[in-house]
Amino acid sequence: MNIGYDMYRTLGISGEVYAYGEAVAEMLQSRFTEIDATAEYNQLKVLKGMQDQQVSEACLLGTTGYGYNDLGRDTLERVYASVFHTQDALVRPQITCGTHALALALMSNLRPGDELLSPVGKPYDTLEEVIGIRPSRGSLAEYGVSYAQVDLLPDGGFDYDNIRRAIGERTRLVTIQRSKGYQTRPTLSVARIGELIAFIKGIKPDVICMVDNCYGEFVETVEPSDVGADMVVGSLIKNPGGGLAPIGGYIAGRRDCVENAAYRLTSPGLGKEVGASLGTLKDFYQGFFLAPTVTAGALKGAIFAANIYEGLGYKVVPDGRQSRHDIIQAVTFGSPEGVIAFCQGIQAAAPVDSHVTPEPWDMPGYDAQVIMAAGAFVSGSSIELSADGPIKPPYAVYFQGGLTWQHAKFGILRSLQSLVDKGLVKTEDVAKAREKLKKSLS
């Protein structure tokens, strides 16, 4: 052991779990160098956006009341548009979460009689009630918007033949979910999203293509808006908030789409002109500035998790070698006990509420009990170390976040320690996985 283990030991990590983690981390150094290069590019991209829009100290102050002439708010939206290479952006604390941002983009750009199409299968659980797949008050279905869905092929590819058939006269907007949600399908790369958009636009050029960009910002050097997306949508308590944004969401894209969203968020006739920033601007700016490096740390943690659990025989998506297009790592345990033990380990690794033991509960918007581990400085922030999963087959957990690589690393080791302590993983199996790894590298 070395001096580093002393601190891990005081935090409950056994020698065998620590040694296995060190072997995996050493194996990943070349991949981590590539991630750092992406972070450097994106850091400079954000810096250029801020400099081009002449961010000043006055931009950090904010407004109250109506928020008329809010210099910082308006400049921040130009920064987002500059970084995402779009005509306009809406970045507001009044957007409460990622689901709200997506609902806002959909409800403002669809009208009664239109059809919404998802060519990538079922959307994230909380959008089911927004769309009306599960009946809910105020859904798009209640306003006469229909919904069509084309599932991905068994190999994760796009079903182009059925997508072509699904696009009709009433198809007004196509929603493309970049990340996997509570599914074990591959996350979509920006390049694949671009191919899908080009195919759709080739059939119907005027259709609006919206990308749910949650968990994907700054993972690559390009964003979906660089490959034809009319709108990219996300949450500020995920990647672009850098762990500092206390709330908020964004919509960046075509000017008319963003204006529609602004009128829906506030009121017809008011749009982007109102909406006080209420003291959030410094955190919004600084979080966005830090986002590329914070995202890089979370991405390293996801790759580390994949290799740790794959080495122990669990199914992981993506696997330990695949390219990465978001910060989420899925691990399938096949039992509720595995999901619960993992999440309890992540909670025990948190800086906030580490003494709390998470349990499954009936969370609003989901069709099964969900367990969530998130001892975060910002409640529910999933760019911070966090994990969650529905208590239903195939009993997979979804890990993401970590404001630093070092914390993400510890969180994964603590999750494994929780499984060992509960007898779900044997210490000798951890030792065998380490020895197997050493042999493969020699």
Protein backbone atom coordinates (compact mmCIF):
# COMPACT_ATOMS: atom_id res chain seq x y z
CA MET A 1 0.00 0.00 0.00
CA ASN A 2 1.06 3.65 -0.19
CA ILE A 3 0.32 6.84 1.68
CA GLY A 4 -2.88 7.33 -0.38
CA TYR A 5 -4.51 4.27 1.13
CA ASP A 6 -4.34 5.70 4.63
CA MET A 7 -7.15 8.16 3.86
CA TYR A 8 -9.18 5.59 1.95
CA ARG A 9 -8.93 3.26 4.94
CA THR A 10 -10.27 5.94 7.29
CA LEU A 11 -13.25 6.30 4.91
CA GLY A 12 -14.10 2.60 5.05
CA ILE A 13 -12.38 1.21 1.94
CA SER A 14 -10.75 -2.20 2.38
CA GLY A 15 -7.26 -2.90 1.10
CA GLU A 16 -8.49 -5.30 -1.59
CA VAL A 17 -11.07 -2.87 -2.98
CA TYR A 18 -8.49 -0.05 -2.97
CA ALA A 19 -5.86 -2.15 -4.73
CA TYR A 20 -8.33 -3.19 -7.42
CA GLY A 21 -9.32 0.43 -7.97
CA GLU A 22 -5.70 1.53 -8.29
CA ALA A 23 -5.04 -1.15 -10.91
CA VAL A 24 -8.07 -0.04 -12.95
CA ALA A 25 -7.15 3.65 -12.66
CA GLU A 26 -3.60 2.97 -13.85
CA MET A 27 -4.93 1.09 -16.87
CA LEU A 28 -7.08 4.09 -17.87
CA GLN A 29 -4.42 6.80 -17.92
CA SER A 30 -4.20 7.05 -21.71
CA ARG A 31 -7.99 7.43 -22.01
CA PHE A 32 -7.94 10.08 -19.31
CA THR A 33 -5.36 12.04 -21.31
CA GLU A 34 -7.79 12.09 -24.27
CA ILE A 35 -10.59 13.35 -22.00
CA ASP A 36 -8.33 16.13 -20.74
CA ALA A 37 -7.65 17.20 -24.33
CA THR A 38 -11.40 17.45 -25.01
CA ALA A 39 -11.86 19.45 -21.82
CA GLU A 40 -9.10 21.84 -22.86
CA TYR A 41 -10.75 22.45 -26.24
CA ASN A 42 -14.15 23.03 -24.65
CA GLN A 43 -12.68 25.25 -21.97
CA LEU A 44 -11.26 27.52 -24.65
CA LYS A 45 -14.57 27.43 -26.53
CA VAL A 46 -16.45 28.68 -23.47
CA LEU A 47 -13.79 31.29 -22.76
CA LYS A 48 -14.01 32.59 -26.32
CA GLY A 49 -17.80 32.80 -26.05
CA MET A 50 -17.51 34.89 -22.89
CA GLN A 51 -14.86 37.15 -24.35
CA ASP A 52 -16.71 37.59 -27.65
CA GLN A 53 -19.85 38.69 -25.78
CA GLN A 54 -17.82 41.02 -23.54
CA VAL A 55 -18.91 39.62 -20.20
CA SER A 56 -18.26 42.29 -17.58
CA GLU A 57 -18.44 42.52 -13.80
CA ALA A 58 -21.82 44.22 -14.17
CA CYS A 59 -23.16 41.05 -15.79
CA LEU A 60 -22.82 39.20 -12.49
CA LEU A 61 -25.15 41.45 -10.50
CA GLY A 62 -28.66 40.52 -11.66
CA THR A 63 -32.10 42.04 -11.19
CA THR A 64 -35.36 41.64 -9.26
CA GLY A 65 -38.98 42.33 -10.09
CA TYR A 66 -39.81 42.34 -13.78
CA GLY A 67 -36.16 42.00 -14.78
CA TYR A 68 -36.33 44.56 -17.57
CA ASN A 69 -32.98 45.31 -19.21
CA ASP A 70 -31.14 42.60 -17.29
CA LEU A 71 -27.67 42.98 -18.79
CA GLY A 72 -26.25 39.82 -17.25
CA ARG A 73 -29.20 37.62 -18.24
CA ASP A 74 -29.23 38.84 -21.83
CA THR A 75 -25.44 38.55 -22.17
CA LEU A 76 -25.45 35.03 -20.72
CA GLU A 77 -28.00 33.96 -23.31
CA ARG A 78 -25.75 35.34 -26.05
CA VAL A 79 -22.83 33.40 -24.52
CA TYR A 80 -24.82 30.16 -24.68
CA ALA A 81 -25.82 30.89 -28.27
CA SER A 82 -22.18 31.60 -29.12
CA VAL A 83 -20.86 28.40 -27.51
CA PHE A 84 -23.61 26.19 -28.97
CA HIS A 85 -23.39 27.97 -32.35
CA THR A 86 -27.10 28.82 -32.45
CA GLN A 87 -29.09 31.91 -33.33
CA ASP A 88 -30.50 32.42 -29.85
CA ALA A 89 -30.81 30.88 -26.38
CA LEU A 90 -33.08 30.99 -23.35
CA VAL A 91 -31.22 30.46 -20.03
CA ARG A 92 -33.39 31.08 -17.01
CA PRO A 93 -33.71 30.23 -13.31
CA GLN A 94 -37.48 30.13 -13.93
CA ILE A 95 -36.90 26.85 -15.82
CA THR A 96 -37.05 24.49 -12.87
CA CYS A 97 -35.44 21.31 -14.24
CA GLY A 98 -34.58 19.38 -17.37
CA THR A 99 -38.08 17.97 -17.74
CA HIS A 100 -39.49 21.49 -17.51
CA ALA A 101 -37.07 22.72 -20.19
CA LEU A 102 -38.09 19.89 -22.51
CA ALA A 103 -41.79 20.39 -21.83
CA LEU A 104 -41.37 24.10 -22.50
CA ALA A 105 -39.64 23.47 -25.83
CA LEU A 106 -42.31 20.97 -26.89
CA MET A 107 -45.41 22.84 -25.74
CA SER A 108 -44.26 26.12 -27.25
CA ASN A 109 -43.47 24.72 -30.68
CA LEU A 110 -46.35 22.28 -31.16
CA ARG A 111 -49.96 23.18 -31.89
CA PRO A 112 -53.23 21.21 -31.80
CA GLY A 113 -53.30 18.76 -34.69
CA ASP A 114 -49.51 18.44 -34.85
CA GLU A 115 -47.70 15.17 -34.28
CA LEU A 116 -44.58 14.61 -32.19
CA LEU A 117 -42.27 11.80 -33.30
CA SER A 118 -39.57 10.02 -31.30
CA PRO A 119 -37.39 7.99 -33.70
CA VAL A 120 -35.17 6.67 -30.88
CA GLY A 121 -37.69 4.72 -28.81
CA LYS A 122 -39.36 5.54 -25.53
CA PRO A 123 -38.45 8.90 -24.01
CA TYR A 124 -37.29 9.42 -20.43
CA ASP A 125 -39.90 8.42 -17.84
CA THR A 126 -40.87 11.94 -16.74
CA LEU A 127 -41.65 12.93 -20.34
CA GLU A 128 -44.31 10.24 -20.63
CA GLU A 129 -46.78 12.41 -18.71
CA VAL A 130 -45.70 15.53 -20.59
CA ILE A 131 -46.51 13.81 -23.87
CA GLY A 132 -49.55 11.92 -22.60
CA ILE A 133 -48.20 8.39 -23.03
CA ARG A 134 -49.29 8.05 -19.43
CA PRO A 135 -52.43 10.16 -18.90
CA SER A 136 -51.71 13.39 -17.03
CA ARG A 137 -53.37 16.73 -16.54
CA GLY A 138 -52.12 19.32 -19.04
CA SER A 139 -50.30 16.86 -21.31
CA LEU A 140 -49.71 17.45 -25.01
CA ALA A 141 -52.34 14.80 -25.73
CA GLU A 142 -54.96 16.89 -23.91
CA TYR A 143 -54.18 19.74 -26.31
CA GLY A 144 -54.63 17.58 -29.39
CA VAL A 145 -50.98 16.79 -30.10
CA SER A 146 -50.52 13.18 -31.16
CA TYR A 147 -47.43 11.07 -30.60
CA ALA A 148 -45.63 8.47 -32.69
CA GLN A 149 -42.63 6.36 -31.79
CA VAL A 150 -40.14 4.24 -33.71
CA ASP A 151 -38.02 1.95 -31.58
CA LEU A 152 -34.33 1.44 -32.14
CA LEU A 153 -33.25 -1.80 -33.77
CA PRO A 154 -32.02 -4.60 -31.48
CA ASP A 155 -28.41 -3.59 -32.20
CA GLY A 156 -29.13 0.02 -31.22
CA GLY A 157 -29.28 1.28 -34.80
CA PHE A 158 -31.92 3.56 -36.29
CA ASP A 159 -34.88 1.88 -37.96
CA TYR A 160 -34.72 4.11 -41.05
CA ASP A 161 -37.47 2.29 -42.96
CA ASN A 162 -40.03 2.74 -40.20
CA ILE A 163 -38.88 6.29 -39.48
CA ARG A 164 -39.55 7.14 -43.11
CA ARG A 165 -43.04 5.63 -42.82
CA ALA A 166 -43.74 7.47 -39.56
CA ILE A 167 -43.01 10.94 -40.93
CA GLY A 168 -46.24 12.32 -42.26
CA GLU A 169 -48.06 15.54 -43.04
CA ARG A 170 -48.80 16.21 -39.36
CA THR A 171 -45.25 15.53 -38.14
CA ARG A 172 -44.17 18.89 -36.80
CA LEU A 173 -41.41 18.10 -34.31
CA VAL A 174 -38.97 15.21 -33.83
CA THR A 175 -37.50 14.67 -30.36
CA ILE A 176 -34.16 12.88 -30.09
CA GLN A 177 -32.97 11.82 -26.65
CA ARG A 178 -29.19 11.74 -26.64
CA SER A 179 -28.71 9.91 -23.34
CA LYS A 180 -30.12 6.53 -22.40
CA GLY A 181 -32.47 7.50 -19.55
CA TYR A 182 -33.63 4.45 -17.61
CA GLN A 183 -32.74 2.17 -20.49
CA THR A 184 -29.67 0.11 -21.23
CA ARG A 185 -29.32 1.23 -24.84
CA PRO A 186 -26.19 3.03 -26.08
CA THR A 187 -26.07 6.80 -25.80
CA LEU A 188 -26.15 8.55 -29.18
CA SER A 189 -22.99 10.26 -30.39
CA VAL A 190 -23.24 13.71 -31.91
CA ALA A 191 -22.20 12.21 -35.25
CA ARG A 192 -25.05 9.66 -35.15
CA ILE A 193 -27.51 12.38 -34.17
CA GLY A 194 -26.34 14.39 -37.17
CA GLU A 195 -26.91 11.42 -39.49
CA LEU A 196 -30.44 10.95 -38.13
CA ILE A 197 -31.28 14.64 -38.47
CA ALA A 198 -29.98 14.71 -42.06
CA PHE A 199 -32.15 11.69 -42.89
CA ILE A 200 -35.25 13.28 -41.35
CA LYS A 201 -34.66 16.66 -43.00
CA GLY A 202 -34.19 14.89 -46.31
CA ILE A 203 -37.75 13.59 -46.00
CA LYS A 204 -39.34 16.70 -44.49
CA PRO A 205 -37.07 19.77 -44.44
CA ASP A 206 -39.40 21.94 -42.33
CA VAL A 207 -39.68 19.52 -39.40
CA ILE A 208 -38.21 20.81 -36.11
CA CYS A 209 -35.49 18.53 -34.71
CA MET A 210 -35.08 18.91 -30.95
CA VAL A 211 -32.33 17.12 -29.02
CA ASP A 212 -32.58 16.34 -25.32
CA ASN A 213 -28.94 17.15 -24.54
CA CYS A 214 -29.07 16.30 -20.82
CA TYR A 215 -25.83 14.70 -19.56
CA GLY A 216 -24.11 15.19 -22.92
CA GLU A 217 -22.84 18.78 -22.91
CA PHE A 218 -19.04 19.09 -23.29
CA VAL A 219 -18.44 15.34 -23.48
CA GLU A 220 -17.43 15.84 -27.12
CA THR A 221 -15.94 18.87 -28.85
CA VAL A 222 -19.17 19.38 -30.82
CA GLU A 223 -22.83 19.61 -29.78
CA PRO A 224 -25.99 18.49 -31.60
CA SER A 225 -26.58 22.09 -32.66
CA ASP A 226 -23.41 21.79 -34.75
CA VAL A 227 -24.94 18.94 -36.80
CA GLY A 228 -28.35 20.34 -37.65
CA ALA A 229 -30.46 20.30 -34.46
CA ASP A 230 -32.98 23.15 -34.41
CA MET A 231 -33.07 23.10 -30.60
CA VAL A 232 -30.81 21.63 -27.92
CA VAL A 233 -32.28 21.48 -24.43
CA GLY A 234 -30.81 20.77 -21.02
CA SER A 235 -30.65 21.39 -17.29
CA LEU A 236 -28.23 23.67 -15.47
CA ILE A 237 -27.92 21.29 -12.53
CA LYS A 238 -26.34 18.84 -14.93
CA ASN A 239 -23.23 19.43 -17.05
CA PRO A 240 -23.51 23.10 -18.10
CA GLY A 241 -24.05 24.39 -14.55
CA GLY A 242 -20.65 23.12 -13.50
CA GLY A 243 -21.97 22.19 -10.07
CA LEU A 244 -22.55 25.84 -9.14
CA ALA A 245 -25.90 26.65 -10.76
CA PRO A 246 -28.57 26.27 -8.05
CA ILE A 247 -31.43 25.82 -10.54
CA GLY A 248 -32.25 26.49 -14.16
CA GLY A 249 -32.46 25.16 -17.68
CA TYR A 250 -31.61 26.22 -21.21
CA ILE A 251 -32.95 26.03 -24.74
CA ALA A 252 -30.54 27.00 -27.52
CA GLY A 253 -31.44 26.97 -31.18
CA ARG A 254 -33.27 28.66 -34.01
CA ARG A 255 -34.48 32.14 -33.12
CA ASP A 256 -38.14 31.40 -33.80
CA CYS A 257 -38.09 28.23 -31.69
CA VAL A 258 -36.43 30.02 -28.79
CA GLU A 259 -38.84 32.96 -29.03
CA ASN A 260 -41.78 30.55 -28.93
CA ALA A 261 -40.34 29.02 -25.77
CA ALA A 262 -39.85 32.45 -24.20
CA TYR A 263 -43.47 33.41 -24.86
CA ARG A 264 -44.61 30.16 -23.29
CA LEU A 265 -42.33 30.60 -20.27
CA THR A 266 -43.52 34.12 -19.50
CA SER A 267 -46.45 35.44 -21.54
CA PRO A 268 -47.43 36.28 -25.11
CA GLY A 269 -46.25 39.81 -25.76
CA LEU A 270 -43.56 39.66 -23.04
CA GLY A 271 -41.26 36.78 -23.96
CA LYS A 272 -37.59 37.24 -23.12
CA GLU A 273 -38.03 40.84 -21.94
CA VAL A 274 -39.09 39.82 -18.43
CA GLY A 275 -37.75 37.35 -15.90
CA ALA A 276 -35.46 38.59 -13.14
CA SER A 277 -32.21 36.70 -12.58
CA LEU A 278 -32.58 36.91 -8.78
CA GLY A 279 -28.93 36.64 -7.78
CA THR A 280 -28.15 33.51 -9.83
CA LEU A 281 -25.98 35.05 -12.52
CA LYS A 282 -22.55 34.73 -10.93
CA ASP A 283 -23.14 31.02 -10.37
CA PHE A 284 -24.54 30.60 -13.88
CA TYR A 285 -21.50 32.26 -15.47
CA GLN A 286 -18.88 30.64 -13.25
CA GLY A 287 -20.55 27.24 -13.47
CA PHE A 288 -20.64 27.42 -17.27
CA PHE A 289 -16.97 28.42 -17.25
CA LEU A 290 -16.06 25.41 -15.10
CA ALA A 291 -18.39 22.99 -16.91
CA PRO A 292 -15.83 21.51 -19.37
CA THR A 293 -13.42 20.43 -16.61
CA VAL A 294 -16.17 19.33 -14.22
CA THR A 295 -17.70 17.24 -17.01
CA ALA A 296 -14.29 15.70 -17.70
CA GLY A 297 -14.01 14.58 -14.07
CA ALA A 298 -17.46 13.02 -14.19
CA LEU A 299 -16.61 11.29 -17.48
CA LYS A 300 -13.49 9.76 -15.97
CA GLY A 301 -15.61 8.50 -13.08
CA ALA A 302 -18.07 6.88 -15.48
CA ILE A 303 -15.30 5.08 -17.37
CA PHE A 304 -13.73 3.98 -14.08
CA ALA A 305 -17.11 2.59 -12.94
CA ALA A 306 -17.56 0.68 -16.19
CA ASN A 307 -14.19 -1.01 -15.88
CA ILE A 308 -14.55 -1.75 -12.15
CA TYR A 309 -17.91 -3.50 -12.54
CA GLU A 310 -17.23 -5.10 -15.91
CA GLY A 311 -14.16 -6.70 -14.38
CA LEU A 312 -16.42 -8.26 -11.76
CA GLY A 313 -18.70 -9.77 -14.39
CA TYR A 314 -21.59 -7.30 -14.43
CA LYS A 315 -23.18 -6.03 -17.63
CA VAL A 316 -22.33 -2.37 -18.12
CA VAL A 317 -23.47 0.15 -20.75
CA PRO A 318 -21.32 1.55 -22.24
CA ASP A 319 -18.72 -1.14 -21.71
CA GLY A 320 -15.24 -0.36 -20.47
CA ARG A 321 -13.77 0.26 -23.92
CA GLN A 322 -16.55 1.98 -25.89
CA SER A 323 -16.47 5.64 -26.82
CA ARG A 324 -18.40 7.99 -24.51
CA HIS A 325 -21.12 10.46 -25.41
CA ASP A 326 -22.61 11.28 -22.01
CA ILE A 327 -21.59 11.01 -18.35
CA ILE A 328 -24.02 8.23 -17.38
CA GLN A 329 -22.88 4.72 -16.60
CA ALA A 330 -25.44 1.91 -16.37
CA VAL A 331 -24.65 -1.21 -14.35
CA THR A 332 -27.12 -4.10 -14.37
CA PHE A 333 -27.25 -6.07 -11.11
CA GLY A 334 -30.29 -8.23 -11.84
CA SER A 335 -31.67 -7.80 -8.33
CA PRO A 336 -33.13 -4.99 -6.20
CA GLU A 337 -30.52 -5.66 -3.52
CA GLY A 338 -27.66 -4.81 -5.88
CA VAL A 339 -29.22 -1.53 -6.99
CA ILE A 340 -29.97 -0.53 -3.39
CA ALA A 341 -26.50 -1.45 -2.09
CA PHE A 342 -24.81 0.50 -4.90
CA CYS A 343 -26.86 3.63 -4.23
CA GLN A 344 -26.31 3.38 -0.49
CA GLY A 345 -22.56 3.23 -1.14
CA ILE A 346 -22.69 6.33 -3.33
CA GLN A 347 -24.66 8.17 -0.62
CA ALA A 348 -22.06 7.17 1.98
CA ALA A 349 -19.40 8.79 -0.22
CA ALA A 350 -21.19 12.16 -0.37
CA PRO A 351 -19.98 15.41 1.23
CA VAL A 352 -23.56 16.22 2.28
CA ASP A 353 -25.91 13.76 4.03
CA SER A 354 -23.39 10.93 3.97
CA HIS A 355 -25.02 9.66 7.18
CA VAL A 356 -28.39 9.22 5.43
CA THR A 357 -29.43 5.82 4.03
CA PRO A 358 -31.47 6.12 0.81
CA GLU A 359 -34.40 3.77 0.26
CA PRO A 360 -36.71 3.22 -2.74
CA TRP A 361 -39.81 5.44 -2.81
CA ASP A 362 -42.75 6.41 -5.01
CA MET A 363 -41.16 9.34 -6.80
CA PRO A 364 -43.50 11.59 -8.84
CA GLY A 365 -43.35 11.02 -12.60
CA TYR A 366 -42.20 7.38 -12.50
CA ASP A 367 -44.10 4.12 -12.89
CA ALA A 368 -42.07 2.19 -10.30
CA GLN A 369 -40.33 2.92 -7.05
CA VAL A 370 -37.02 4.73 -7.52
CA ILE A 371 -33.96 4.91 -5.29
CA MET A 372 -31.79 8.00 -5.53
CA ALA A 373 -28.42 8.72 -3.95
CA ALA A 374 -27.45 12.38 -4.09
CA GLY A 375 -25.65 13.94 -1.17
CA ALA A 376 -25.16 17.16 -3.09
CA PHE A 377 -24.55 20.84 -2.45
CA VAL A 378 -27.44 21.53 -4.86
CA SER A 379 -30.46 19.33 -4.26
CA GLY A 380 -30.91 16.83 -7.08
CA SER A 381 -27.81 17.97 -8.94
CA SER A 382 -26.69 15.08 -11.11
CA ILE A 383 -23.41 16.65 -12.18
CA GLU A 384 -22.49 15.99 -8.56
CA LEU A 385 -21.79 12.42 -7.41
CA SER A 386 -25.12 10.65 -7.70
CA ALA A 387 -26.83 7.42 -8.67
CA ASP A 388 -30.39 6.28 -9.13
CA GLY A 389 -32.49 3.56 -10.64
CA PRO A 390 -36.02 2.19 -10.82
CA ILE A 391 -36.74 -0.89 -8.74
CA LYS A 392 -37.89 -3.02 -11.65
CA PRO A 393 -36.26 -5.47 -14.09
CA PRO A 394 -33.53 -5.57 -15.26
CA TYR A 395 -32.56 -3.88 -11.97
CA ALA A 396 -29.97 -1.51 -13.42
CA VAL A 397 -28.45 1.45 -11.62
CA TYR A 398 -27.43 4.68 -13.36
CA PHE A 399 -24.35 6.43 -12.01
CA GLN A 400 -23.27 9.93 -12.96
CA GLY A 401 -21.44 12.98 -11.78
CA GLY A 402 -18.61 13.91 -9.48
CA LEU A 403 -17.40 17.49 -9.32
CA THR A 404 -13.85 16.11 -9.35
CA TRP A 405 -12.37 12.90 -10.70
CA GLN A 406 -10.98 12.13 -7.26
CA HIS A 407 -14.43 12.22 -5.67
CA ALA A 408 -15.97 10.16 -8.48
CA LYS A 409 -13.24 7.56 -7.98
CA PHE A 410 -13.90 7.34 -4.25
CA GLY A 411 -17.64 7.14 -4.83
CA ILE A 412 -17.28 4.08 -7.06
CA LEU A 413 -14.93 2.37 -4.61
CA ARG A 414 -17.43 3.10 -1.83
CA SER A 415 -20.26 1.60 -3.91
CA LEU A 416 -18.22 -1.58 -4.39
CA GLN A 417 -17.38 -1.66 -0.69
CA SER A 418 -21.10 -1.49 0.07
CA LEU A 419 -21.73 -4.53 -2.12
CA VAL A 420 -18.86 -6.38 -0.42
CA ASP A 421 -20.09 -5.46 3.06
CA LYS A 422 -23.57 -6.76 2.23
CA GLY A 423 -22.21 -10.04 0.88
CA LEU A 424 -23.32 -9.35 -2.69
CA VAL A 425 -19.72 -9.34 -3.95
CA LYS A 426 -17.05 -11.57 -2.40
CA THR A 427 -13.66 -10.17 -1.42
CA GLU A 428 -11.97 -13.05 -3.21
CA ASP A 429 -13.80 -12.09 -6.42
CA VAL A 430 -12.37 -8.58 -6.15
CA ALA A 431 -8.88 -10.08 -5.73
CA LYS A 432 -9.41 -12.35 -8.74
CA ALA A 433 -10.56 -9.41 -10.88
CA ARG A 434 -7.41 -7.51 -9.95
CA GLU A 435 -5.16 -10.44 -10.79
CA LYS A 436 -6.91 -10.97 -14.10
CA LEU A 437 -6.41 -7.31 -14.95
CA LYS A 438 -2.72 -7.45 -14.07
CA LYS A 439 -2.23 -10.48 -16.30
CA SER A 440 -3.99 -8.82 -19.22
CA LEU A 441 -1.67 -5.81 -18.95
CA SER A 442 1.56 -7.77 -18.59
